[in-house]
Each structure stands twice: as structure tokens, then as C-alpha cells.
Amino acid sequence: MADSQSLFAEAEAAWRNGDRVRARSLAERVAAADSTHAGAFMLLTNLCFAAGDVAGAAPYLECLSRLMPGDVMVLGNLGRAHLAAGDLAKAAGAFEGVLGLEPANARALDGLGIVRHREGVYAPAAELHRRAAEADPGFAAAWCNLGIALTDLGRFADGAAALDRALSIDPEDARTRFNRAILDLMAGDFAAGWRHYEARLSFQPLQAPPGAAMWGGGPLNGEPVLLMPEQGFGDLIQFARFASHVAARGGRPVLAVPGPMRALFEAQNWDAEIIDAGALPDVPWWCPLMSLGAVLGLGAADISGTPYLTVPEAAAPVSGGPFRIGLAWAGNPTHRRDRARSLRLADLLPVLGVPDVRFVNLQVGLREVDADLLAARSGLFAERPALPDFLATASVLAGLDLVISADTAVLHLAGAMGRPAWGLLPFVPDWRWGNAGETTPWYDSLRLYRQDTAGDWAGVAARVAADLGRVRTSET
């Protein structure tokens, strides 16, 4: 049987020759036979990193950290691996270990800043990223991360300056360009915003239909253009309005939608084919739905807040009947900013306490804390309609006097239907709502309630309850 030394030599040769499978197999044999063979664990780490499996390197780096205590590179890579695996506590420990040895280590400062940002503590994160950029002014990622943290603190001008510094170092970095787009779009600079927004496709790629070419906005001669959905339901509702622009350029829009939205869009009298996003047809052209901003060169004048979705034979609110308000308070928990945008039902108890109102539960998907409250106080909602899809939700919305919603698809749906709705927004909102004001050019029927400080849903709920009370008083 070959000894560890000769096996490792074979593993290194396979690595140099590009045979990663053989290199890994041999290195694993060496590591199994000799738990003190640092070279084998280094090679296995390199193989994981080369394959893009940064998290998979964690066990090998753990072994290396025991064999090579105090090695800054090993600790730093261990922090990266734990960060990739989502183990924030272990990642923080590794980065702090580096900083205990090298307090000005830019990569460790930046890594610890990422940990703090993911924990939702943006001020400490920003300070760590600032120190990283100060330690290495040419470290583009630190400037980018500083810009993101400052943006999440509501310091938009400072965030833009940091992102611009990152772009001056690495003009093509997709993550920096995307985050710069968020600030451009929030400020209404659509020309710059749409251009940078395309960078999202570098790290949020869509599977292109086989044989289809990306449509760049040019004239068409009756050819179909497949418009692919991306991101969330609300994004689809917001951008579906632009499908008609394909027809205006001589093409046939084919709008792909997820199953829960198909009946809603099939009910519209649009000059567009509606298909299920799970069964894509063969087409010559395709375009990500949210790329229509860049492809069409949309500006402020192209954005109208007039309604564009209807419900066949929808029932209008009953005149003289009970004032009915639909309530949705939380979005998809997997959303990157869900911690900021979603409320707990308990946050809205002041609103639910307004008298002479019949509240309708529009929330789809209950979190445990909300389910517990509903079980304890079953009388909070007078109605809990079944909402199997968006057509059913739209039918309910059509008969309500008012919708009150967090930044969810329900809010977009109400706006697209022209239904009166009050949107509850975090201190740092999504770009489409802008950074100030009670109105939005995207939907004329919406009124926006913004947090005055981060996390202050109590202040929002108090203002909503007071305004709702005044509305009820004026109508009685």
C-alpha cells in the first residue's frame, strides 16, 4: 500500500493536471490515514474553494486551525467558510481570532462586518467596513459593503459615495453596480438605475429558454417575446404592466407567471398570451420581466399609477354596510429584507382596536407568533376568506373599502387594481417606494406610512389607527 507521502504527491500532481476528482479522492485518503497531514487538508480546502463550495471547506479548515494555531490565513478562510455555511457565531469567532492577532486585517474586519450586517446590526457593521476600507483603500468589496450598510442605516448619500468609491476601483463588479442601482432607482434616476440594475443577472441568473435570444428592445415582426418572471409576486405585478410595450414594438408578448397568479392574468383583457412559468414554450426571443426598464429605456414619464388589473364581475363595497378593511402584515420570510419589512400581528393591535370596522384577514402563511395570537384572540378578524390564488385575493380586495398592508404582493395588487390602500413601510424601504413622501408614481391609490426610525412599527400603527379613526368619524 502506498504511504501518505507518495499518495499526497499523486494528489498534488492530479491537482496540477486539473484532475480534481482524483486529487480529492487521494487527498481524502491521506487525511483519513494521517490526521496531522496539513498538506492534505490544505489541498482539500483549495479543491472546495476552486469548486465554489466555500462552505464545504469548513471541516478541513477546522483541522488546519488545530494543526496551525494562530495562522491568520487559515483563520480568515475558516471565517469565510462558516459565513458561507450561514454559521454566523463560528464565523465571528474566526474573524475575531484574526483580529486578535492583526487588528488592522482588512479582510477580517470586512468579514466580521458582514456577520454583523446579517445579524441586523447595521451601525457596527458599517464601522467594521469603514475600518476595513481605511486599512486597505484599494479593497473594493469593503467599500461596497460599507455602502450597503450605510444604505441600510438610511444614510443614502453616504452609501452612494461608498459605492461610487468601490466602482472607481472595480467598475464592473456586479454586486456594487446592483446596490448602486437601488439608490439610483430610489432617487428616481431611472437612466442610471436601470443600467446598473441589469447587474443582478450576474448573481441572480434566470434559465434562458433553449434556443431563445435575449431581446434588446429592437423592432419585431410579429415574433413572440417570452417575458420571464423573477424575484417575488409583487415584482411581477408591478412590471407586468409593461408587457404591452412588446406589442407596441411589433411583437407578441408571452407572459410567464407562477401557478398562483395564472388565473388572475388570464382574466385580464390583454393583448398577451399568459402561460405557466413551469412550462415554457419554444420562442425566438425572451426577456427577464424586470429588465424591461433597461430594455425599453423607461423613464418617469413612462410610469403611470392608473389601475391596470381588474376582476371580472367584481363586487363593489356595499354602500351603507360595515366598513371592511383587509389586512396583510408579513411577506415571504425568505426575502433578504424580511426582518425590516414584515410586522408581527401584535404590532397592529392598535389598528385592530379601531371601532366600527370589520377586519378581513388577507394574510397568507402564518408565523408561529401570529398564529398563537390569533388562537388566543379569535375575534380579531370578522372574516378569514380562503385565498387559494391571486384571483381569489383580487376578488376579495374588490369588495373592500380599504386595504392595509406591509410591503407585500397584496399591496401591489391593491395598487394595480386601483383599490384604496395604505402601505406600511420600514425606515429604509424597497427602492420602488422612494425614500420619502406619502405617494408613489407606481400606484395612484396608495398612501404610504413610513417608519420615522428603524424598527418603529409602534409609531406607524399609532398614525394608522389615528387616521383610520378620523376616517370612521367623518363617515358616521
Protein backbone atom coordinates (compact mmCIF):
# COMPACT_ATOMS: atom_id res chain seq x y z
CA MET A 1 0.00 0.00 0.00
CA ALA A 2 1.31 3.44 -0.88
CA ASP A 3 2.35 5.56 2.06
CA SER A 4 0.87 9.00 2.83
CA GLN A 5 3.82 10.84 1.30
CA SER A 6 3.54 9.15 -2.09
CA LEU A 7 -0.27 9.38 -2.09
CA PHE A 8 -0.06 13.08 -1.38
CA ALA A 9 2.47 13.54 -4.19
CA GLU A 10 -0.02 11.85 -6.53
CA ALA A 11 -2.82 14.09 -5.23
CA GLU A 12 -0.75 17.22 -5.87
CA ALA A 13 0.11 16.01 -9.38
CA ALA A 14 -3.58 15.38 -10.13
CA TRP A 15 -4.42 18.88 -8.81
CA ARG A 16 -1.78 20.47 -11.05
CA ASN A 17 -3.07 18.49 -14.04
CA GLY A 18 -6.65 19.63 -13.46
CA ASP A 19 -8.00 16.25 -12.36
CA ARG A 20 -9.91 17.47 -9.33
CA VAL A 21 -11.85 14.26 -8.77
CA ARG A 22 -8.69 12.17 -8.47
CA ALA A 23 -6.94 14.86 -6.43
CA ARG A 24 -9.79 14.90 -3.94
CA SER A 25 -10.02 11.15 -3.67
CA LEU A 26 -6.28 10.83 -2.99
CA ALA A 27 -6.20 13.76 -0.55
CA GLU A 28 -9.12 12.29 1.42
CA ARG A 29 -7.23 9.00 1.68
CA VAL A 30 -4.18 10.83 3.02
CA ALA A 31 -6.28 12.78 5.54
CA ALA A 32 -8.03 9.60 6.71
CA ALA A 33 -4.70 7.85 7.21
CA ASP A 34 -2.91 10.79 8.83
CA SER A 35 -5.00 13.32 10.74
CA THR A 36 -1.92 15.55 11.18
CA HIS A 37 -1.16 15.90 7.46
CA ALA A 38 -1.67 19.65 6.98
CA GLY A 39 -0.91 19.44 3.26
CA ALA A 40 -3.86 17.12 2.65
CA PHE A 41 -6.26 19.45 4.45
CA MET A 42 -4.87 22.45 2.54
CA LEU A 43 -5.37 20.66 -0.76
CA LEU A 44 -8.92 19.67 0.18
CA THR A 45 -9.60 23.29 1.14
CA ASN A 46 -8.27 24.51 -2.20
CA LEU A 47 -10.38 21.96 -4.04
CA CYS A 48 -13.53 23.19 -2.26
CA PHE A 49 -12.73 26.82 -2.95
CA ALA A 50 -11.95 26.07 -6.60
CA ALA A 51 -15.32 24.33 -6.96
CA GLY A 52 -17.14 27.28 -5.40
CA ASP A 53 -18.02 25.19 -2.34
CA VAL A 54 -16.61 27.58 0.26
CA ALA A 55 -18.85 26.20 3.00
CA GLY A 56 -17.66 22.66 2.27
CA ALA A 57 -14.12 23.66 3.23
CA ALA A 58 -15.10 24.33 6.86
CA PRO A 59 -14.23 20.87 8.30
CA TYR A 60 -10.84 20.86 6.60
CA LEU A 61 -10.09 24.37 7.84
CA GLU A 62 -11.15 23.35 11.34
CA CYS A 63 -8.50 20.62 11.22
CA LEU A 64 -5.92 23.09 9.89
CA SER A 65 -6.72 25.57 12.64
CA ARG A 66 -5.88 22.91 15.21
CA LEU A 67 -2.70 21.91 13.39
CA MET A 68 -1.64 25.51 12.72
CA PRO A 69 -2.95 27.59 15.63
CA GLY A 70 -2.57 31.29 15.13
CA ASP A 71 -2.27 31.07 11.33
CA VAL A 72 -4.03 34.19 10.07
CA MET A 73 -4.77 32.85 6.59
CA VAL A 74 -6.31 29.65 7.95
CA LEU A 75 -8.46 31.56 10.45
CA GLY A 76 -9.58 34.04 7.81
CA ASN A 77 -10.56 31.28 5.39
CA LEU A 78 -12.33 29.47 8.21
CA GLY A 79 -14.37 32.60 8.84
CA ARG A 80 -15.27 32.74 5.13
CA ALA A 81 -16.31 29.09 5.15
CA HIS A 82 -18.52 29.45 8.22
CA LEU A 83 -20.02 32.61 6.73
CA ALA A 84 -20.84 30.75 3.53
CA ALA A 85 -22.46 28.00 5.61
CA GLY A 86 -24.55 30.57 7.49
CA ASP A 87 -22.96 29.85 10.86
CA LEU A 88 -22.57 33.44 12.00
CA ALA A 89 -21.33 32.67 15.51
CA LYS A 90 -18.48 30.50 14.28
CA ALA A 91 -17.66 32.95 11.50
CA ALA A 92 -17.45 35.79 14.01
CA GLY A 93 -15.18 33.71 16.23
CA ALA A 94 -12.78 33.02 13.39
CA PHE A 95 -12.64 36.65 12.23
CA GLU A 96 -12.18 37.85 15.80
CA GLY A 97 -9.33 35.37 16.12
CA VAL A 98 -7.62 37.03 13.16
CA LEU A 99 -8.19 40.49 14.59
CA GLY A 100 -6.72 39.42 17.91
CA LEU A 101 -3.50 38.76 16.01
CA GLU A 102 -3.77 41.52 13.39
CA PRO A 103 -6.18 44.28 14.48
CA ALA A 104 -5.98 46.05 11.11
CA ASN A 105 -6.54 42.96 8.94
CA ALA A 106 -8.87 44.35 6.27
CA ARG A 107 -10.35 41.00 5.19
CA ALA A 108 -11.19 40.00 8.76
CA LEU A 109 -12.68 43.42 9.52
CA ASP A 110 -14.81 43.19 6.41
CA GLY A 111 -15.83 39.59 7.18
CA LEU A 112 -16.87 40.48 10.71
CA GLY A 113 -18.79 43.43 9.27
CA ILE A 114 -20.71 41.03 7.03
CA VAL A 115 -21.56 38.92 10.07
CA ARG A 116 -22.88 41.95 11.96
CA HIS A 117 -24.87 43.07 8.93
CA ARG A 118 -26.54 39.68 8.63
CA GLU A 119 -27.36 39.88 12.31
CA GLY A 120 -29.21 43.12 11.55
CA VAL A 121 -26.90 45.45 13.49
CA TYR A 122 -26.02 47.88 10.73
CA ALA A 123 -24.12 50.57 12.64
CA PRO A 124 -21.43 48.18 13.97
CA ALA A 125 -21.30 46.61 10.52
CA ALA A 126 -20.69 49.97 8.87
CA GLU A 127 -17.93 50.80 11.34
CA LEU A 128 -16.17 47.50 10.64
CA HIS A 129 -16.40 48.01 6.88
CA ARG A 130 -15.11 51.57 7.29
CA ARG A 131 -12.10 50.28 9.21
CA ALA A 132 -11.51 47.65 6.53
CA ALA A 133 -11.57 50.25 3.76
CA GLU A 134 -9.30 52.52 5.80
CA ALA A 135 -6.83 49.67 6.31
CA ASP A 136 -6.84 48.84 2.59
CA PRO A 137 -8.18 51.73 0.46
CA GLY A 138 -8.00 49.57 -2.67
CA PHE A 139 -10.27 46.88 -1.19
CA ALA A 140 -13.33 47.35 -3.41
CA ALA A 141 -15.51 44.83 -1.56
CA ALA A 142 -15.05 46.71 1.72
CA TRP A 143 -16.25 49.95 0.09
CA CYS A 144 -19.20 48.09 -1.42
CA ASN A 145 -20.15 46.52 1.92
CA LEU A 146 -19.77 49.91 3.60
CA GLY A 147 -22.16 51.37 1.04
CA ILE A 148 -24.73 48.64 1.68
CA ALA A 149 -24.52 49.07 5.46
CA LEU A 150 -24.86 52.85 5.21
CA THR A 151 -27.84 52.43 2.91
CA ASP A 152 -29.49 50.13 5.43
CA LEU A 153 -28.93 52.83 8.05
CA GLY A 154 -30.83 55.28 5.86
CA ARG A 155 -27.66 57.26 5.09
CA PHE A 156 -28.31 57.21 1.36
CA ALA A 157 -25.86 59.92 0.25
CA ASP A 158 -23.04 58.36 2.27
CA GLY A 159 -23.95 54.94 0.94
CA ALA A 160 -23.85 56.21 -2.63
CA ALA A 161 -20.41 57.77 -2.04
CA ALA A 162 -19.02 54.48 -0.71
CA LEU A 163 -20.47 52.50 -3.61
CA ASP A 164 -19.05 55.02 -6.08
CA ARG A 165 -15.64 54.55 -4.45
CA ALA A 166 -15.99 50.79 -4.94
CA LEU A 167 -16.91 51.32 -8.59
CA SER A 168 -13.89 53.55 -9.11
CA ILE A 169 -11.76 50.56 -8.07
CA ASP A 170 -13.76 47.82 -9.81
CA PRO A 171 -16.22 49.36 -12.31
CA GLU A 172 -17.70 46.03 -13.39
CA ASP A 173 -18.39 44.45 -10.02
CA ALA A 174 -21.96 43.17 -10.29
CA ARG A 175 -22.82 43.40 -6.61
CA THR A 176 -21.67 47.00 -6.35
CA ARG A 177 -23.49 48.00 -9.51
CA PHE A 178 -26.70 46.37 -8.30
CA ASN A 179 -26.62 48.15 -4.96
CA ARG A 180 -25.84 51.44 -6.70
CA ALA A 181 -28.89 50.80 -8.87
CA ILE A 182 -31.07 50.52 -5.78
CA LEU A 183 -30.09 54.05 -4.72
CA ASP A 184 -30.44 55.43 -8.27
CA LEU A 185 -33.93 53.95 -8.64
CA MET A 186 -34.96 55.09 -5.18
CA ALA A 187 -33.96 58.63 -6.15
CA GLY A 188 -35.83 58.40 -9.47
CA ASP A 189 -32.69 58.34 -11.64
CA PHE A 190 -34.01 55.67 -13.97
CA ALA A 191 -31.39 56.10 -16.70
CA ALA A 192 -28.55 55.14 -14.35
CA GLY A 193 -30.68 52.85 -12.23
CA TRP A 194 -31.91 50.51 -14.95
CA ARG A 195 -28.40 50.24 -16.43
CA HIS A 196 -26.86 49.17 -13.14
CA TYR A 197 -29.89 47.05 -12.22
CA GLU A 198 -29.00 44.60 -15.00
CA ALA A 199 -26.02 43.53 -12.90
CA ARG A 200 -28.42 41.43 -10.81
CA LEU A 201 -28.45 38.84 -13.61
CA SER A 202 -24.82 38.03 -12.81
CA PHE A 203 -25.73 36.60 -9.41
CA GLN A 204 -29.49 36.04 -9.78
CA PRO A 205 -29.42 34.30 -13.17
CA LEU A 206 -32.55 33.11 -14.93
CA GLN A 207 -32.56 29.95 -17.01
CA ALA A 208 -32.88 31.14 -20.60
CA PRO A 209 -35.32 29.17 -22.77
CA PRO A 210 -33.34 26.83 -25.09
CA GLY A 211 -32.60 28.48 -28.41
CA ALA A 212 -34.07 31.87 -27.44
CA ALA A 213 -32.07 35.06 -27.74
CA MET A 214 -32.27 37.93 -25.26
CA TRP A 215 -34.47 40.66 -26.68
CA GLY A 216 -32.79 44.04 -26.58
CA GLY A 217 -35.83 46.22 -27.33
CA GLY A 218 -35.48 46.33 -31.11
CA PRO A 219 -38.38 46.24 -33.60
CA LEU A 220 -40.19 42.94 -34.05
CA ASN A 221 -42.15 41.45 -36.91
CA GLY A 222 -44.87 39.59 -35.09
CA GLU A 223 -42.45 37.32 -33.21
CA PRO A 224 -43.33 36.22 -29.68
CA VAL A 225 -41.21 37.52 -26.79
CA LEU A 226 -41.25 35.46 -23.62
CA LEU A 227 -41.31 37.66 -20.51
CA MET A 228 -39.83 35.67 -17.64
CA PRO A 229 -40.87 36.34 -14.02
CA GLU A 230 -38.22 36.93 -11.39
CA GLN A 231 -37.96 37.80 -7.72
CA GLY A 232 -41.35 37.97 -5.94
CA PHE A 233 -45.06 38.07 -6.75
CA GLY A 234 -45.17 41.82 -6.10
CA ASP A 235 -42.39 42.45 -8.60
CA LEU A 236 -44.31 40.55 -11.24
CA ILE A 237 -47.48 42.54 -10.58
CA GLN A 238 -45.52 45.80 -10.74
CA PHE A 239 -43.75 45.09 -14.02
CA ALA A 240 -46.45 43.13 -15.87
CA ARG A 241 -47.90 46.50 -16.90
CA PHE A 242 -45.05 46.87 -19.40
CA ALA A 243 -45.96 43.74 -21.40
CA SER A 244 -47.92 45.94 -23.79
CA HIS A 245 -44.68 47.65 -24.84
CA VAL A 246 -43.66 44.44 -26.61
CA ALA A 247 -46.78 44.65 -28.76
CA ALA A 248 -46.08 48.33 -29.39
CA ARG A 249 -42.75 47.30 -30.96
CA GLY A 250 -44.37 44.76 -33.25
CA GLY A 251 -44.07 41.64 -31.13
CA ARG A 252 -46.39 39.26 -29.30
CA PRO A 253 -45.89 39.33 -25.53
CA VAL A 254 -45.91 35.94 -23.84
CA LEU A 255 -46.10 36.49 -20.10
CA ALA A 256 -44.96 33.56 -17.96
CA VAL A 257 -46.47 33.59 -14.48
CA PRO A 258 -46.34 31.22 -11.48
CA GLY A 259 -49.36 28.99 -10.95
CA PRO A 260 -51.00 31.07 -8.18
CA MET A 261 -51.11 34.09 -10.50
CA ARG A 262 -52.21 32.48 -13.73
CA ALA A 263 -55.98 32.79 -13.28
CA LEU A 264 -55.64 36.48 -12.38
CA PHE A 265 -53.69 37.36 -15.50
CA GLU A 266 -55.79 35.13 -17.75
CA ALA A 267 -58.81 37.15 -16.57
CA GLN A 268 -57.33 40.38 -17.98
CA ASN A 269 -58.30 41.59 -21.43
CA TRP A 270 -54.69 41.98 -22.51
CA ASP A 271 -53.14 41.51 -25.92
CA ALA A 272 -50.77 38.96 -24.44
CA GLU A 273 -50.51 35.20 -24.10
CA ILE A 274 -50.43 34.04 -20.48
CA ILE A 275 -48.57 30.81 -19.77
CA ASP A 276 -47.47 28.86 -16.71
CA ALA A 277 -43.88 29.66 -15.74
CA GLY A 278 -43.30 25.95 -15.20
CA ALA A 279 -43.91 25.02 -18.84
CA LEU A 280 -42.03 27.38 -21.15
CA PRO A 281 -42.63 27.27 -24.90
CA ASP A 282 -40.08 27.46 -27.71
CA VAL A 283 -39.71 31.11 -28.66
CA PRO A 284 -37.17 33.15 -30.64
CA TRP A 285 -36.88 35.91 -28.05
CA TRP A 286 -37.04 36.24 -24.28
CA CYS A 287 -36.51 38.94 -21.66
CA PRO A 288 -36.47 38.98 -17.85
CA LEU A 289 -39.57 40.91 -16.84
CA MET A 290 -37.64 43.37 -14.65
CA SER A 291 -35.15 44.04 -17.45
CA LEU A 292 -37.87 45.87 -19.37
CA GLY A 293 -36.81 49.06 -17.60
CA ALA A 294 -33.40 48.93 -19.26
CA VAL A 295 -34.52 47.29 -22.50
CA LEU A 296 -37.28 49.83 -23.12
CA GLY A 297 -35.39 52.80 -21.67
CA LEU A 298 -38.28 53.59 -19.35
CA GLY A 299 -38.28 57.00 -17.71
CA ALA A 300 -40.51 58.76 -15.22
CA ALA A 301 -42.95 59.72 -17.99
CA ASP A 302 -43.49 56.03 -18.82
CA ILE A 303 -44.66 55.18 -15.30
CA SER A 304 -48.35 55.66 -14.66
CA GLY A 305 -50.19 54.97 -11.44
CA THR A 306 -53.53 54.28 -13.13
CA PRO A 307 -55.10 50.85 -12.50
CA TYR A 308 -54.36 48.05 -14.95
CA LEU A 309 -55.72 44.90 -13.28
CA THR A 310 -59.43 44.11 -12.98
CA VAL A 311 -61.57 41.31 -11.61
CA PRO A 312 -64.47 40.03 -13.74
CA GLU A 313 -67.82 40.71 -12.14
CA ALA A 314 -66.19 42.02 -9.00
CA ALA A 315 -68.50 43.03 -6.18
CA ALA A 316 -68.16 46.65 -5.08
CA PRO A 317 -68.23 47.60 -1.40
CA VAL A 318 -71.79 47.74 -0.12
CA SER A 319 -72.96 51.30 0.40
CA GLY A 320 -74.08 51.80 3.96
CA GLY A 321 -72.69 48.43 5.01
CA PRO A 322 -69.92 47.78 7.53
CA PHE A 323 -66.58 49.41 6.79
CA ARG A 324 -64.42 46.47 5.69
CA ILE A 325 -60.63 46.62 5.82
CA GLY A 326 -58.31 43.91 4.57
CA LEU A 327 -55.08 43.42 6.50
CA ALA A 328 -51.80 41.78 5.41
CA TRP A 329 -48.79 42.29 7.64
CA ALA A 330 -45.97 39.95 6.60
CA GLY A 331 -44.28 38.91 3.38
CA ASN A 332 -42.19 35.94 2.32
CA PRO A 333 -39.87 35.08 5.24
CA THR A 334 -37.07 34.16 2.83
CA HIS A 335 -36.88 37.72 1.47
CA ARG A 336 -33.49 39.34 2.15
CA ARG A 337 -35.07 42.28 3.97
CA ASP A 338 -37.97 40.45 5.59
CA ARG A 339 -36.72 41.34 9.07
CA ALA A 340 -37.24 45.01 8.22
CA ARG A 341 -40.38 44.94 6.08
CA SER A 342 -42.67 42.44 7.86
CA LEU A 343 -44.64 43.15 11.01
CA ARG A 344 -45.97 40.89 13.72
CA LEU A 345 -49.73 40.87 14.08
CA ALA A 346 -49.24 42.20 17.61
CA ASP A 347 -47.75 45.37 16.13
CA LEU A 348 -51.12 46.15 14.60
CA LEU A 349 -53.30 45.70 17.69
CA PRO A 350 -53.88 49.50 17.90
CA VAL A 351 -55.30 49.38 14.37
CA LEU A 352 -57.39 46.30 15.08
CA GLY A 353 -58.82 48.15 18.09
CA VAL A 354 -60.43 50.91 15.99
CA PRO A 355 -64.22 50.58 16.49
CA ASP A 356 -66.89 50.16 13.81
CA VAL A 357 -64.56 48.33 11.42
CA ARG A 358 -64.92 44.82 10.04
CA PHE A 359 -61.40 43.47 9.56
CA VAL A 360 -60.68 40.89 6.88
CA ASN A 361 -57.61 38.65 7.18
CA LEU A 362 -55.63 38.74 3.91
CA GLN A 363 -52.51 37.16 5.36
CA VAL A 364 -51.35 34.01 3.57
CA GLY A 365 -48.89 31.99 5.62
CA LEU A 366 -48.92 32.48 9.39
CA ARG A 367 -45.80 32.62 11.51
CA GLU A 368 -45.97 30.86 14.82
CA VAL A 369 -46.14 34.02 16.94
CA ASP A 370 -49.04 35.32 14.84
CA ALA A 371 -50.87 32.01 14.88
CA ASP A 372 -50.61 31.96 18.68
CA LEU A 373 -52.11 35.45 18.92
CA LEU A 374 -54.95 34.56 16.56
CA ALA A 375 -55.69 31.44 18.56
CA ALA A 376 -55.77 33.43 21.79
CA ARG A 377 -57.87 36.26 20.33
CA SER A 378 -60.11 34.65 17.75
CA GLY A 379 -62.28 37.75 17.43
CA LEU A 380 -59.60 40.00 15.89
CA PHE A 381 -60.90 39.30 12.38
CA ALA A 382 -64.53 39.19 11.38
CA GLU A 383 -63.66 37.43 8.12
CA ARG A 384 -60.97 34.95 7.13
CA PRO A 385 -61.62 34.21 3.46
CA ALA A 386 -59.97 31.33 1.64
CA LEU A 387 -57.29 32.74 -0.67
CA PRO A 388 -56.12 29.87 -2.88
CA ASP A 389 -54.68 32.14 -5.56
CA PHE A 390 -54.32 35.78 -6.58
CA LEU A 391 -57.61 35.87 -8.48
CA ALA A 392 -59.40 34.95 -5.26
CA THR A 393 -57.42 37.60 -3.39
CA ALA A 394 -58.25 40.20 -6.03
CA SER A 395 -61.94 39.33 -5.77
CA VAL A 396 -61.83 39.96 -2.03
CA LEU A 397 -59.91 43.21 -2.48
CA ALA A 398 -62.51 44.45 -4.95
CA GLY A 399 -65.17 44.37 -2.25
CA LEU A 400 -63.16 46.10 0.49
CA ASP A 401 -63.29 49.73 1.48
CA LEU A 402 -59.58 49.82 2.31
CA VAL A 403 -56.50 47.59 2.30
CA ILE A 404 -53.76 48.00 4.90
CA SER A 405 -50.63 46.06 4.07
CA ALA A 406 -46.93 45.77 4.65
CA ASP A 407 -44.69 45.77 1.56
CA THR A 408 -46.19 42.58 0.14
CA ALA A 409 -47.76 41.39 -3.09
CA VAL A 410 -51.15 42.33 -1.61
CA LEU A 411 -50.09 45.98 -1.59
CA HIS A 412 -49.01 45.79 -5.23
CA LEU A 413 -52.24 44.02 -6.17
CA ALA A 414 -54.37 46.65 -4.48
CA GLY A 415 -52.45 49.42 -6.25
CA ALA A 416 -52.65 47.68 -9.63
CA MET A 417 -56.43 47.37 -9.17
CA GLY A 418 -56.79 50.99 -8.06
CA ARG A 419 -58.17 49.96 -4.67
CA PRO A 420 -57.61 52.38 -1.74
CA ALA A 421 -54.65 51.03 0.22
CA TRP A 422 -52.30 52.15 2.96
CA GLY A 423 -48.80 50.75 2.72
CA LEU A 424 -46.70 50.22 5.86
CA LEU A 425 -43.02 50.77 5.06
CA PRO A 426 -39.80 50.25 7.02
CA PHE A 427 -37.38 53.09 7.68
CA VAL A 428 -35.32 52.00 4.66
CA PRO A 429 -37.92 50.93 2.10
CA ASP A 430 -37.60 48.99 -1.10
CA TRP A 431 -36.41 51.21 -3.96
CA ARG A 432 -39.78 51.39 -5.69
CA TRP A 433 -41.36 53.38 -2.86
CA GLY A 434 -38.75 56.14 -2.95
CA ASN A 435 -37.10 57.50 0.18
CA ALA A 436 -39.78 60.00 1.22
CA GLY A 437 -43.40 61.01 0.77
CA GLU A 438 -46.86 59.51 1.15
CA THR A 439 -47.45 58.76 -2.53
CA THR A 440 -45.84 56.71 -5.28
CA PRO A 441 -45.97 57.23 -9.05
CA TRP A 442 -46.42 53.49 -9.48
CA TYR A 443 -49.91 53.33 -7.93
CA ASP A 444 -52.26 56.31 -7.59
CA SER A 445 -54.50 54.67 -4.98
CA LEU A 446 -51.77 54.06 -2.40
CA ARG A 447 -50.93 56.10 0.68
CA LEU A 448 -47.61 55.29 2.33
CA TYR A 449 -46.87 55.24 6.06
CA ARG A 450 -43.13 55.20 6.78
CA GLN A 451 -41.23 54.41 9.94
CA ASP A 452 -39.59 57.51 11.43
CA THR A 453 -36.82 55.36 12.89
CA ALA A 454 -35.69 51.82 12.16
CA GLY A 455 -37.99 49.22 13.68
CA ASP A 456 -40.60 51.72 14.89
CA TRP A 457 -43.78 49.91 13.90
CA ALA A 458 -45.45 51.29 17.04
CA GLY A 459 -45.29 54.80 15.59
CA VAL A 460 -46.65 53.63 12.24
CA ALA A 461 -49.50 51.72 13.89
CA ALA A 462 -50.40 54.74 16.03
CA ARG A 463 -50.63 57.03 12.97
CA VAL A 464 -52.64 54.48 11.00
CA ALA A 465 -55.04 53.93 13.90
CA ALA A 466 -55.49 57.69 14.38
CA ASP A 467 -56.15 58.28 10.67
CA LEU A 468 -58.50 55.32 10.49
CA GLY A 469 -60.38 56.66 13.48
CA ARG A 470 -60.75 60.02 11.75
CA VAL A 471 -61.99 58.32 8.57
CA ARG A 472 -64.64 56.43 10.52
CA THR A 473 -65.68 59.55 12.44
CA SER A 474 -66.11 61.57 9.23
CA GLU A 475 -68.31 58.88 7.69
CA THR A 476 -70.66 58.44 10.63
